[in-house]
Amino acid sequence: NIQVLTARWNQNFKAGALHWDNEVVYQKSSDAGIIPLPDLAVYSNLYLDFKLIKVLHLQLGADVHYFTKYYAPAYTAPTQQFHLQRNTAIGNYPLAGAYLNGKLHQVRFFINFYNVTSSLINGAEHFSLPHYPVSPMVMKFGLSIDFNN
């Protein structure tokens, strides 16, 4: 019989155009050898949400994901299965990004900087799964046009 205790806290703040969305999760497994979980997982998103010249809707912000170190299940690609492991711990690394989203009439666009902390923290072990590193800092951008009237 394995039990998992989870406590979740969500809090969103808003002051005019400034928004700050937060989520904190504490979790504990009665048998971490069978169900490994990070003790603490945090997500925070700080952004400005406003209209410019009454027609251009913009969101400008930054977000961060963080979880404490734990022995995550490893993935074996040939069998497409996850399995328990106790060799490589992952976590204890903030994964932060910065972004700009916009909408002008029927046109949507975005610019996203993913994993900006990789250029700030040297020598950090940042993995999404054991032996699967997180991508280094990359800039993504996109454009979407709605042709329907």
N, C-alpha and C. Protein backbone atom coordinates (compact mmCIF):
# COMPACT_ATOMS: atom_id res chain seq x y z
N ASN A 1 0.85 -1.17 0.00
CA ASN A 1 0.00 0.00 0.00
C ASN A 1 0.89 1.23 0.00
N ILE A 2 0.84 2.01 -1.08
CA ILE A 2 1.66 3.22 -1.20
C ILE A 2 0.73 4.43 -1.20
N GLN A 3 1.10 5.43 -0.42
CA GLN A 3 0.29 6.64 -0.33
C GLN A 3 1.11 7.84 -0.79
N VAL A 4 0.43 8.79 -1.39
CA VAL A 4 1.06 10.04 -1.84
C VAL A 4 0.31 11.20 -1.21
N LEU A 5 1.04 12.03 -0.50
CA LEU A 5 0.49 13.25 0.11
C LEU A 5 0.84 14.42 -0.81
N THR A 6 -0.18 15.20 -1.18
CA THR A 6 0.04 16.35 -2.05
C THR A 6 -0.67 17.57 -1.48
N ALA A 7 0.05 18.68 -1.44
CA ALA A 7 -0.53 19.96 -1.05
C ALA A 7 -0.21 20.96 -2.16
N ARG A 8 -1.24 21.60 -2.69
CA ARG A 8 -1.08 22.52 -3.83
C ARG A 8 -1.59 23.89 -3.43
N TRP A 9 -0.82 24.93 -3.80
CA TRP A 9 -1.22 26.30 -3.52
C TRP A 9 -1.13 27.10 -4.82
N ASN A 10 -2.24 27.70 -5.22
CA ASN A 10 -2.29 28.58 -6.38
C ASN A 10 -2.62 29.99 -5.90
N GLN A 11 -1.89 30.96 -6.40
CA GLN A 11 -2.18 32.35 -6.04
C GLN A 11 -1.85 33.22 -7.24
N ASN A 12 -2.82 33.97 -7.69
CA ASN A 12 -2.63 34.89 -8.80
C ASN A 12 -2.86 36.31 -8.31
N PHE A 13 -1.92 37.19 -8.62
CA PHE A 13 -2.02 38.59 -8.23
C PHE A 13 -2.20 39.44 -9.50
N LYS A 14 -2.94 40.52 -9.36
CA LYS A 14 -3.15 41.43 -10.49
C LYS A 14 -3.22 42.85 -9.96
N ALA A 15 -2.45 43.73 -10.57
CA ALA A 15 -2.48 45.15 -10.24
C ALA A 15 -2.37 45.92 -11.56
N GLY A 16 -3.51 46.30 -12.09
CA GLY A 16 -3.52 46.98 -13.39
C GLY A 16 -3.08 46.02 -14.48
N ALA A 17 -2.03 46.39 -15.19
CA ALA A 17 -1.52 45.55 -16.28
C ALA A 17 -0.56 44.47 -15.78
N LEU A 18 -0.11 44.56 -14.52
CA LEU A 18 0.85 43.61 -13.98
C LEU A 18 0.14 42.38 -13.43
N HIS A 19 0.56 41.21 -13.87
CA HIS A 19 0.01 39.94 -13.42
C HIS A 19 1.15 39.08 -12.88
N TRP A 20 0.86 38.34 -11.81
CA TRP A 20 1.84 37.41 -11.26
C TRP A 20 1.10 36.15 -10.85
N ASP A 21 1.28 35.07 -11.62
CA ASP A 21 0.61 33.80 -11.39
C ASP A 21 1.60 32.82 -10.76
N ASN A 22 1.19 32.15 -9.69
CA ASN A 22 2.08 31.25 -8.96
C ASN A 22 1.39 29.94 -8.65
N GLU A 23 2.16 28.88 -8.62
CA GLU A 23 1.68 27.57 -8.18
C GLU A 23 2.83 26.86 -7.48
N VAL A 24 2.56 26.37 -6.28
CA VAL A 24 3.55 25.63 -5.49
C VAL A 24 2.91 24.30 -5.11
N VAL A 25 3.65 23.21 -5.33
CA VAL A 25 3.16 21.87 -5.02
C VAL A 25 4.17 21.18 -4.12
N TYR A 26 3.69 20.70 -2.97
CA TYR A 26 4.50 19.87 -2.08
C TYR A 26 3.93 18.46 -2.17
N GLN A 27 4.80 17.48 -2.35
CA GLN A 27 4.33 16.09 -2.46
C GLN A 27 5.32 15.16 -1.80
N LYS A 28 4.79 14.12 -1.23
CA LYS A 28 5.62 13.13 -0.52
C LYS A 28 5.02 11.75 -0.77
N SER A 29 5.87 10.82 -1.16
CA SER A 29 5.46 9.44 -1.40
C SER A 29 5.86 8.61 -0.19
N SER A 30 5.00 7.67 0.21
CA SER A 30 5.34 6.82 1.35
C SER A 30 6.45 5.83 0.99
N ASP A 31 6.68 5.58 -0.30
CA ASP A 31 7.79 4.74 -0.75
C ASP A 31 8.41 5.37 -1.99
N ALA A 32 9.42 6.23 -1.77
CA ALA A 32 10.06 6.96 -2.87
C ALA A 32 10.83 6.03 -3.79
N GLY A 33 11.12 4.82 -3.37
CA GLY A 33 11.78 3.86 -4.24
C GLY A 33 10.85 3.33 -5.33
N ILE A 34 9.55 3.33 -5.08
CA ILE A 34 8.57 2.85 -6.05
C ILE A 34 7.93 4.02 -6.81
N ILE A 35 7.55 5.07 -6.11
CA ILE A 35 6.98 6.26 -6.74
C ILE A 35 7.86 7.46 -6.36
N PRO A 36 8.91 7.73 -7.14
CA PRO A 36 9.76 8.87 -6.83
C PRO A 36 9.10 10.18 -7.26
N LEU A 37 9.11 11.17 -6.38
CA LEU A 37 8.51 12.47 -6.65
C LEU A 37 9.43 13.57 -6.12
N PRO A 38 9.49 14.71 -6.80
CA PRO A 38 10.20 15.84 -6.19
C PRO A 38 9.39 16.36 -5.00
N ASP A 39 10.07 16.72 -3.94
CA ASP A 39 9.37 17.21 -2.75
C ASP A 39 8.63 18.52 -3.03
N LEU A 40 9.23 19.38 -3.84
CA LEU A 40 8.67 20.70 -4.09
C LEU A 40 8.75 21.02 -5.58
N ALA A 41 7.66 21.49 -6.16
CA ALA A 41 7.63 21.95 -7.55
C ALA A 41 7.00 23.34 -7.56
N VAL A 42 7.64 24.27 -8.26
CA VAL A 42 7.20 25.67 -8.25
C VAL A 42 7.10 26.17 -9.69
N TYR A 43 6.03 26.91 -9.99
CA TYR A 43 5.88 27.61 -11.26
C TYR A 43 5.47 29.04 -10.96
N SER A 44 6.13 29.98 -11.60
CA SER A 44 5.80 31.39 -11.42
C SER A 44 5.87 32.10 -12.76
N ASN A 45 4.91 32.97 -13.01
CA ASN A 45 4.82 33.69 -14.27
C ASN A 45 4.51 35.15 -13.97
N LEU A 46 5.42 36.04 -14.31
CA LEU A 46 5.27 37.48 -14.08
C LEU A 46 5.19 38.15 -15.44
N TYR A 47 4.09 38.89 -15.70
CA TYR A 47 3.95 39.48 -17.02
C TYR A 47 3.09 40.74 -16.98
N LEU A 48 3.24 41.53 -18.02
CA LEU A 48 2.41 42.70 -18.26
C LEU A 48 1.43 42.35 -19.36
N ASP A 49 0.15 42.64 -19.16
CA ASP A 49 -0.90 42.35 -20.14
C ASP A 49 -1.62 43.68 -20.40
N PHE A 50 -1.43 44.23 -21.60
CA PHE A 50 -1.98 45.55 -21.88
C PHE A 50 -2.26 45.74 -23.37
N LYS A 51 -2.98 46.81 -23.68
CA LYS A 51 -3.23 47.20 -25.07
C LYS A 51 -2.43 48.46 -25.37
N LEU A 52 -1.85 48.46 -26.55
CA LEU A 52 -1.07 49.59 -27.00
C LEU A 52 -1.84 50.27 -28.13
N ILE A 53 -2.10 51.53 -28.00
CA ILE A 53 -2.84 52.33 -28.98
C ILE A 53 -4.23 51.72 -29.25
N LYS A 54 -4.82 51.11 -28.27
CA LYS A 54 -6.18 50.56 -28.28
C LYS A 54 -6.42 49.43 -29.27
N VAL A 55 -5.42 48.97 -30.02
CA VAL A 55 -5.64 47.88 -30.98
C VAL A 55 -4.63 46.75 -30.87
N LEU A 56 -3.44 47.01 -30.36
CA LEU A 56 -2.40 45.99 -30.26
C LEU A 56 -2.38 45.43 -28.85
N HIS A 57 -2.82 44.18 -28.69
CA HIS A 57 -2.84 43.52 -27.38
C HIS A 57 -1.50 42.83 -27.17
N LEU A 58 -0.79 43.14 -26.06
CA LEU A 58 0.53 42.59 -25.80
C LEU A 58 0.59 41.93 -24.43
N GLN A 59 1.38 40.86 -24.36
CA GLN A 59 1.78 40.24 -23.10
C GLN A 59 3.30 40.15 -23.14
N LEU A 60 3.95 40.71 -22.14
CA LEU A 60 5.41 40.72 -22.04
C LEU A 60 5.76 40.18 -20.66
N GLY A 61 6.52 39.08 -20.61
CA GLY A 61 6.79 38.53 -19.30
C GLY A 61 7.89 37.50 -19.27
N ALA A 62 7.99 36.87 -18.10
CA ALA A 62 8.97 35.82 -17.85
C ALA A 62 8.33 34.78 -16.93
N ASP A 63 8.72 33.52 -17.13
CA ASP A 63 8.21 32.46 -16.27
C ASP A 63 9.36 31.56 -15.85
N VAL A 64 9.15 30.83 -14.77
CA VAL A 64 10.18 29.94 -14.25
C VAL A 64 9.52 28.68 -13.70
N HIS A 65 10.14 27.54 -13.99
CA HIS A 65 9.76 26.24 -13.44
C HIS A 65 10.94 25.76 -12.58
N TYR A 66 10.63 25.16 -11.45
CA TYR A 66 11.67 24.64 -10.56
C TYR A 66 11.11 23.44 -9.80
N PHE A 67 11.94 22.40 -9.62
CA PHE A 67 11.58 21.29 -8.74
C PHE A 67 12.84 20.78 -8.07
N THR A 68 12.66 20.25 -6.86
CA THR A 68 13.79 19.76 -6.09
C THR A 68 14.35 18.48 -6.70
N LYS A 69 15.56 18.16 -6.32
CA LYS A 69 16.26 17.01 -6.87
C LYS A 69 15.61 15.71 -6.43
N TYR A 70 15.47 14.77 -7.37
CA TYR A 70 14.91 13.45 -7.06
C TYR A 70 15.34 12.46 -8.14
N TYR A 71 15.16 11.19 -7.87
CA TYR A 71 15.52 10.13 -8.81
C TYR A 71 14.33 9.82 -9.71
N ALA A 72 14.24 10.53 -10.81
CA ALA A 72 13.12 10.36 -11.75
C ALA A 72 13.25 9.04 -12.48
N PRO A 73 12.13 8.46 -12.88
CA PRO A 73 12.21 7.25 -13.70
C PRO A 73 12.94 7.54 -15.01
N ALA A 74 13.73 6.57 -15.46
CA ALA A 74 14.47 6.71 -16.71
C ALA A 74 13.63 6.15 -17.85
N TYR A 75 13.92 6.62 -19.04
CA TYR A 75 13.18 6.20 -20.23
C TYR A 75 14.09 5.36 -21.11
N THR A 76 13.58 4.21 -21.55
CA THR A 76 14.30 3.35 -22.47
C THR A 76 13.60 3.43 -23.82
N ALA A 77 14.26 4.05 -24.80
CA ALA A 77 13.64 4.31 -26.09
C ALA A 77 13.28 3.04 -26.87
N PRO A 78 14.14 2.01 -26.93
CA PRO A 78 13.78 0.83 -27.74
C PRO A 78 12.49 0.14 -27.28
N THR A 79 12.24 0.12 -25.96
CA THR A 79 11.02 -0.52 -25.46
C THR A 79 9.90 0.48 -25.18
N GLN A 80 10.22 1.76 -25.30
CA GLN A 80 9.28 2.84 -25.02
C GLN A 80 8.66 2.70 -23.63
N GLN A 81 9.49 2.41 -22.64
CA GLN A 81 9.05 2.20 -21.27
C GLN A 81 9.87 3.05 -20.31
N PHE A 82 9.23 3.44 -19.21
CA PHE A 82 9.94 4.07 -18.11
C PHE A 82 10.28 2.99 -17.10
N HIS A 83 11.43 3.15 -16.41
CA HIS A 83 11.82 2.21 -15.37
C HIS A 83 12.48 2.96 -14.22
N LEU A 84 12.41 2.36 -13.05
CA LEU A 84 13.00 2.99 -11.86
C LEU A 84 14.51 2.93 -11.95
N GLN A 85 15.16 3.95 -11.41
CA GLN A 85 16.62 4.00 -11.37
C GLN A 85 17.05 4.78 -10.14
N ARG A 86 18.23 4.51 -9.64
CA ARG A 86 18.76 5.20 -8.46
C ARG A 86 20.17 5.72 -8.72
N ASN A 87 20.55 5.92 -9.99
CA ASN A 87 21.90 6.37 -10.32
C ASN A 87 21.99 7.87 -10.55
N THR A 88 21.00 8.44 -11.20
CA THR A 88 21.06 9.83 -11.63
C THR A 88 19.87 10.61 -11.07
N ALA A 89 20.18 11.60 -10.25
CA ALA A 89 19.14 12.49 -9.71
C ALA A 89 19.04 13.71 -10.63
N ILE A 90 17.82 14.17 -10.86
CA ILE A 90 17.62 15.37 -11.67
C ILE A 90 16.90 16.41 -10.82
N GLY A 91 16.93 17.65 -11.28
CA GLY A 91 16.23 18.73 -10.59
C GLY A 91 17.17 19.71 -9.95
N ASN A 92 16.61 20.57 -9.11
CA ASN A 92 17.33 21.63 -8.42
C ASN A 92 17.95 22.60 -9.42
N TYR A 93 17.20 22.88 -10.50
CA TYR A 93 17.66 23.76 -11.56
C TYR A 93 16.48 24.60 -12.04
N PRO A 94 16.57 25.92 -11.98
CA PRO A 94 15.45 26.74 -12.47
C PRO A 94 15.46 26.79 -14.00
N LEU A 95 14.32 26.55 -14.59
CA LEU A 95 14.16 26.62 -16.04
C LEU A 95 13.31 27.85 -16.33
N ALA A 96 13.96 28.93 -16.78
CA ALA A 96 13.27 30.21 -16.96
C ALA A 96 13.19 30.58 -18.43
N GLY A 97 12.18 31.33 -18.75
CA GLY A 97 12.00 31.82 -20.11
C GLY A 97 11.42 33.22 -20.11
N ALA A 98 11.60 33.91 -21.22
CA ALA A 98 11.04 35.25 -21.40
C ALA A 98 10.25 35.24 -22.70
N TYR A 99 9.17 36.03 -22.75
CA TYR A 99 8.32 35.97 -23.92
C TYR A 99 7.63 37.29 -24.20
N LEU A 100 7.17 37.42 -25.46
CA LEU A 100 6.33 38.52 -25.90
C LEU A 100 5.27 37.91 -26.80
N ASN A 101 4.00 38.08 -26.44
CA ASN A 101 2.86 37.64 -27.25
C ASN A 101 2.11 38.88 -27.70
N GLY A 102 1.61 38.83 -28.93
CA GLY A 102 0.86 39.98 -29.42
C GLY A 102 -0.26 39.59 -30.34
N LYS A 103 -1.26 40.46 -30.42
CA LYS A 103 -2.38 40.26 -31.34
C LYS A 103 -2.80 41.62 -31.87
N LEU A 104 -2.83 41.72 -33.20
CA LEU A 104 -3.26 42.93 -33.88
C LEU A 104 -4.32 42.52 -34.89
N HIS A 105 -5.57 42.83 -34.59
CA HIS A 105 -6.72 42.45 -35.42
C HIS A 105 -6.72 40.93 -35.63
N GLN A 106 -6.38 40.45 -36.83
CA GLN A 106 -6.41 39.02 -37.12
C GLN A 106 -5.02 38.40 -37.16
N VAL A 107 -4.03 39.09 -36.68
CA VAL A 107 -2.64 38.61 -36.71
C VAL A 107 -2.16 38.38 -35.28
N ARG A 108 -1.67 37.17 -35.04
CA ARG A 108 -1.06 36.84 -33.74
C ARG A 108 0.42 36.55 -33.97
N PHE A 109 1.26 36.96 -33.01
CA PHE A 109 2.70 36.70 -33.11
C PHE A 109 3.27 36.47 -31.73
N PHE A 110 4.42 35.79 -31.69
CA PHE A 110 5.10 35.59 -30.42
C PHE A 110 6.60 35.51 -30.64
N ILE A 111 7.34 35.87 -29.60
CA ILE A 111 8.78 35.68 -29.52
C ILE A 111 9.01 35.07 -28.14
N ASN A 112 9.74 33.96 -28.10
CA ASN A 112 9.96 33.24 -26.85
C ASN A 112 11.43 32.89 -26.70
N PHE A 113 12.02 33.23 -25.57
CA PHE A 113 13.38 32.81 -25.24
C PHE A 113 13.26 31.69 -24.22
N TYR A 114 13.59 30.47 -24.63
CA TYR A 114 13.46 29.28 -23.79
C TYR A 114 14.77 29.01 -23.07
N ASN A 115 14.71 28.67 -21.79
CA ASN A 115 15.85 28.29 -20.97
C ASN A 115 16.95 29.35 -20.94
N VAL A 116 16.60 30.57 -20.57
CA VAL A 116 17.59 31.63 -20.47
C VAL A 116 18.57 31.38 -19.31
N THR A 117 18.21 30.53 -18.37
CA THR A 117 19.11 30.25 -17.25
C THR A 117 20.32 29.41 -17.66
N SER A 118 20.28 28.74 -18.81
CA SER A 118 21.43 27.95 -19.24
C SER A 118 22.64 28.84 -19.52
N SER A 119 22.40 30.08 -19.94
CA SER A 119 23.51 30.99 -20.19
C SER A 119 23.97 31.69 -18.91
N LEU A 120 23.16 31.61 -17.85
CA LEU A 120 23.50 32.28 -16.59
C LEU A 120 24.15 31.35 -15.58
N ILE A 121 23.79 30.06 -15.61
CA ILE A 121 24.30 29.09 -14.64
C ILE A 121 25.23 28.13 -15.36
N ASN A 122 26.53 28.29 -15.16
CA ASN A 122 27.50 27.43 -15.83
C ASN A 122 27.72 26.14 -15.07
N GLY A 123 27.88 25.04 -15.79
CA GLY A 123 28.18 23.76 -15.17
C GLY A 123 27.00 23.11 -14.48
N ALA A 124 25.81 23.63 -14.68
CA ALA A 124 24.63 23.05 -14.03
C ALA A 124 24.20 21.80 -14.78
N GLU A 125 23.74 20.83 -14.02
CA GLU A 125 23.19 19.62 -14.60
C GLU A 125 21.70 19.83 -14.78
N HIS A 126 21.28 20.09 -15.99
CA HIS A 126 19.87 20.35 -16.24
C HIS A 126 19.34 19.28 -17.21
N PHE A 127 18.52 18.39 -16.63
CA PHE A 127 17.95 17.29 -17.39
C PHE A 127 16.44 17.26 -17.15
N SER A 128 15.70 16.91 -18.21
CA SER A 128 14.26 16.72 -18.06
C SER A 128 13.95 15.31 -17.59
N LEU A 129 14.77 14.36 -17.99
CA LEU A 129 14.76 12.96 -17.56
C LEU A 129 16.21 12.54 -17.43
N PRO A 130 16.52 11.48 -16.70
CA PRO A 130 17.91 11.03 -16.66
C PRO A 130 18.43 10.73 -18.07
N HIS A 131 19.57 11.32 -18.41
CA HIS A 131 20.26 11.15 -19.70
C HIS A 131 19.56 11.88 -20.85
N TYR A 132 18.57 12.72 -20.57
CA TYR A 132 17.90 13.53 -21.58
C TYR A 132 18.05 15.00 -21.18
N PRO A 133 19.08 15.69 -21.69
CA PRO A 133 19.30 17.08 -21.28
C PRO A 133 18.23 18.02 -21.82
N VAL A 134 18.02 19.09 -21.08
CA VAL A 134 17.12 20.15 -21.52
C VAL A 134 17.84 20.94 -22.62
N SER A 135 17.10 21.41 -23.59
CA SER A 135 17.69 22.19 -24.68
C SER A 135 18.37 23.43 -24.13
N PRO A 136 19.46 23.86 -24.76
CA PRO A 136 20.08 25.13 -24.34
C PRO A 136 19.18 26.30 -24.72
N MET A 137 19.62 27.51 -24.37
CA MET A 137 18.80 28.67 -24.67
C MET A 137 18.55 28.76 -26.17
N VAL A 138 17.29 29.00 -26.51
CA VAL A 138 16.90 29.10 -27.91
C VAL A 138 15.81 30.16 -28.03
N MET A 139 15.81 30.85 -29.16
CA MET A 139 14.77 31.84 -29.43
C MET A 139 13.79 31.22 -30.43
N LYS A 140 12.51 31.29 -30.10
CA LYS A 140 11.46 30.80 -30.99
C LYS A 140 10.56 31.98 -31.34
N PHE A 141 10.05 32.00 -32.55
CA PHE A 141 9.10 33.03 -32.92
C PHE A 141 8.08 32.45 -33.89
N GLY A 142 6.93 33.08 -33.91
CA GLY A 142 5.87 32.58 -34.78
C GLY A 142 4.90 33.67 -35.16
N LEU A 143 4.15 33.37 -36.21
CA LEU A 143 3.18 34.30 -36.75
C LEU A 143 1.97 33.49 -37.21
N SER A 144 0.78 33.97 -36.87
CA SER A 144 -0.46 33.31 -37.27
C SER A 144 -1.42 34.37 -37.78
N ILE A 145 -1.98 34.10 -38.98
CA ILE A 145 -2.91 35.05 -39.59
C ILE A 145 -4.23 34.33 -39.82
N ASP A 146 -5.31 34.93 -39.34
CA ASP A 146 -6.64 34.39 -39.53
C ASP A 146 -7.26 35.05 -40.76
N PHE A 147 -7.50 34.28 -41.82
CA PHE A 147 -8.03 34.84 -43.06
C PHE A 147 -9.56 34.86 -43.10
N ASN A 148 -10.24 34.38 -42.07
CA ASN A 148 -11.70 34.42 -42.02
C ASN A 148 -12.18 35.83 -41.72
N ASN A 149 -13.25 36.23 -42.33
CA ASN A 149 -13.79 37.57 -42.07
C ASN A 149 -14.73 37.56 -40.90
